[in-house]
Each structure stands twice: as C-alpha cells, then as structure tokens.
Amino acid sequence: MENRSKVSPNLRHHHRVPVTLEALLETQLGAQVTCTVENLSRAGLMVRCPPQTVQQLLPNREPVSPHQAVPVKLWLEIGSSLLAADGDVIYVRRASCDRFHVGISFSRFEDDSEERLKAYVMALMAKP
C-alpha cells in the first residue's frame, strides 16, 4: 500500500519578516489605537494587542475573515519614514489570555509608501 501525504500549497506570496514596530490604527468610527507589529510583509502585517484594543477595533465582536474584513487606516514608522496605508483586518487570534494577534492586509498605500515598504522588507530580508 502506498503512503501519500497530502501537501498543502503555500498560499503566501510575500515573505514575512519579524519586526518590533509601533503602529497606529484608526477604525472607520475614528477610534485610534496603538499596537506592536510583530511581522511585516509587502502584503500586510500582524500586530500584537491586548483584549481592550481588539474591542476598540471590533466593537461589535464582528466575525472577521478575508471575505468579511474590517477596514482600518494605519501608520507606522519604517526606517526614518512614515508609511501610511489603508488595510483590512482579516483575522483575530487569541495568543494568550491577555494577548491577541491581529492580521491586517494592505488595501491601498498613500504616496510612495508601497515602494518604501518594499525596500524596507527587502533590506530586512538581506540581513544575515
């Protein structure tokens, strides 16, 4: 009997790089919260935040998925410049009793933020 293991395809198109950056997020209702970015790619980022911040981002405990994303505006300092973009909260995962991981995909960049992000990520990937 042949033993075949099913291999799942890698659905990521962009490499993630570990970082520790502060991001300012703004909801559609204008609430602003600060979170710590734990990883970053050209397509999005993952932030770490406490339950109170998740409550501000998702006040009605809305279900979140790539097809039911919650829009946010975000700003983060990369290198010596400020990146400004619109994004969509696409997942929220409990990491511990007092910490959540929130995934945000970029939907639109302001000015040259996309090119600066690409250069920043490539520079981090080139480090040994």
Protein backbone atom coordinates (compact mmCIF):
# COMPACT_ATOMS: atom_id res chain seq x y z
CA MET A 1 0.00 0.00 0.00
CA GLU A 2 1.37 3.41 -0.99
CA ASN A 3 1.63 6.07 1.72
CA ARG A 4 0.93 9.51 0.29
CA SER A 5 0.92 12.53 2.47
CA LYS A 6 -1.10 15.43 1.25
CA VAL A 7 0.99 18.58 0.95
CA SER A 8 -0.78 21.88 1.37
CA PRO A 9 0.29 24.59 -1.03
CA ASN A 10 1.98 27.67 0.39
CA LEU A 11 -0.61 30.39 -0.02
CA ARG A 12 1.78 33.18 0.94
CA HIS A 13 3.06 35.23 -1.94
CA HIS A 14 5.26 37.51 0.16
CA HIS A 15 7.85 36.66 2.78
CA ARG A 16 7.20 37.82 6.33
CA VAL A 17 9.98 39.44 8.29
CA PRO A 18 10.00 39.64 12.09
CA VAL A 19 9.96 43.21 13.40
CA THR A 20 9.14 45.16 16.52
CA LEU A 21 7.49 48.39 15.44
CA GLU A 22 4.65 50.51 16.77
CA ALA A 23 1.65 51.07 14.50
CA LEU A 24 -1.21 53.50 14.88
CA LEU A 25 -4.52 52.06 13.68
CA GLU A 26 -7.70 54.04 13.10
CA THR A 27 -11.14 52.47 12.77
CA GLN A 28 -13.93 53.69 10.50
CA LEU A 29 -15.51 55.31 13.56
CA GLY A 30 -12.32 57.30 14.23
CA ALA A 31 -11.06 55.36 17.28
CA GLN A 32 -7.25 55.26 17.32
CA VAL A 33 -5.21 52.52 18.95
CA THR A 34 -1.51 51.71 19.09
CA CYS A 35 -0.29 48.14 18.58
CA THR A 36 3.04 46.38 18.26
CA VAL A 37 3.84 44.99 14.81
CA GLU A 38 5.40 41.52 15.11
CA ASN A 39 5.83 40.68 11.45
CA LEU A 40 5.61 42.54 8.19
CA SER A 41 5.43 41.71 4.50
CA ARG A 42 4.68 43.59 1.30
CA ALA A 43 1.09 42.35 1.57
CA GLY A 44 0.30 43.04 5.23
CA LEU A 45 1.31 42.79 8.85
CA MET A 46 0.49 41.09 12.11
CA VAL A 47 0.09 43.12 15.27
CA ARG A 48 0.01 42.06 18.90
CA CYS A 49 -2.51 43.80 21.13
CA PRO A 50 -4.46 43.39 24.38
CA PRO A 51 -8.18 42.46 24.51
CA GLN A 52 -9.18 46.11 25.07
CA THR A 53 -7.61 47.08 21.74
CA VAL A 54 -9.40 44.27 19.93
CA GLN A 55 -12.64 45.54 21.46
CA GLN A 56 -11.93 49.01 20.04
CA LEU A 57 -11.06 47.61 16.61
CA LEU A 58 -14.11 45.32 16.55
CA PRO A 59 -16.66 46.91 18.90
CA ASN A 60 -19.48 44.53 17.97
CA ARG A 61 -17.28 41.41 18.01
CA GLU A 62 -17.89 41.13 14.29
CA PRO A 63 -16.67 37.92 12.69
CA VAL A 64 -13.53 38.60 10.70
CA SER A 65 -12.20 36.78 7.66
CA PRO A 66 -10.67 37.73 4.32
CA HIS A 67 -14.24 37.83 2.93
CA GLN A 68 -15.58 39.78 5.93
CA ALA A 69 -12.70 42.16 6.53
CA VAL A 70 -12.90 45.22 8.76
CA PRO A 71 -11.27 48.33 7.22
CA VAL A 72 -8.67 50.38 9.13
CA LYS A 73 -6.20 53.13 8.37
CA LEU A 74 -2.67 52.60 9.61
CA TRP A 75 0.57 54.44 10.07
CA LEU A 76 3.93 53.00 11.03
CA GLU A 77 7.46 54.27 11.02
CA ILE A 78 9.78 52.19 8.88
CA GLY A 79 13.38 53.25 8.95
CA SER A 80 13.23 57.03 9.01
CA SER A 81 9.95 57.47 7.15
CA LEU A 82 6.26 57.17 7.93
CA LEU A 83 4.26 54.58 6.00
CA ALA A 84 0.56 55.40 5.56
CA ALA A 85 -1.93 52.88 4.20
CA ASP A 86 -5.44 51.54 4.31
CA GLY A 87 -5.84 47.96 5.38
CA ASP A 88 -8.32 45.25 6.22
CA VAL A 89 -8.39 43.24 9.45
CA ILE A 90 -8.61 39.70 8.10
CA TYR A 91 -8.10 37.63 11.24
CA VAL A 92 -8.01 37.87 15.02
CA ARG A 93 -6.45 35.05 17.02
CA ARG A 94 -6.11 34.72 20.77
CA ALA A 95 -2.44 34.14 21.61
CA SER A 96 -2.96 34.06 25.39
CA CYS A 97 -5.48 35.29 27.96
CA ASP A 98 -4.19 38.86 27.65
CA ARG A 99 -2.88 38.99 24.08
CA PHE A 100 -4.31 38.74 20.57
CA HIS A 101 -2.69 38.58 17.14
CA VAL A 102 -4.47 40.64 14.51
CA GLY A 103 -3.72 40.16 10.81
CA ILE A 104 -4.09 43.13 8.51
CA SER A 105 -3.74 43.08 4.73
CA PHE A 106 -2.84 46.26 2.89
CA SER A 107 -5.53 47.51 0.51
CA ARG A 108 -4.16 50.91 -0.55
CA PHE A 109 -0.97 52.89 0.06
CA GLU A 110 -0.55 56.64 0.26
CA ASP A 111 2.08 58.41 -1.83
CA ASP A 112 5.18 56.23 -2.26
CA SER A 113 4.54 54.14 0.87
CA GLU A 114 4.33 50.90 -1.12
CA GLU A 115 7.78 51.38 -2.66
CA ARG A 116 9.30 52.35 0.69
CA LEU A 117 7.73 49.27 2.32
CA LYS A 118 9.10 47.02 -0.43
CA ALA A 119 12.61 48.46 0.01
CA TYR A 120 12.39 48.13 3.82
CA VAL A 121 11.27 44.49 3.68
CA MET A 122 13.93 43.61 1.09
CA ALA A 123 16.62 45.23 3.27
CA LEU A 124 15.48 43.21 6.31
CA MET A 125 15.45 40.01 4.26
CA ALA A 126 19.02 40.65 3.11
CA LYS A 127 20.33 40.80 6.69
CA PRO A 128 22.04 37.60 7.85
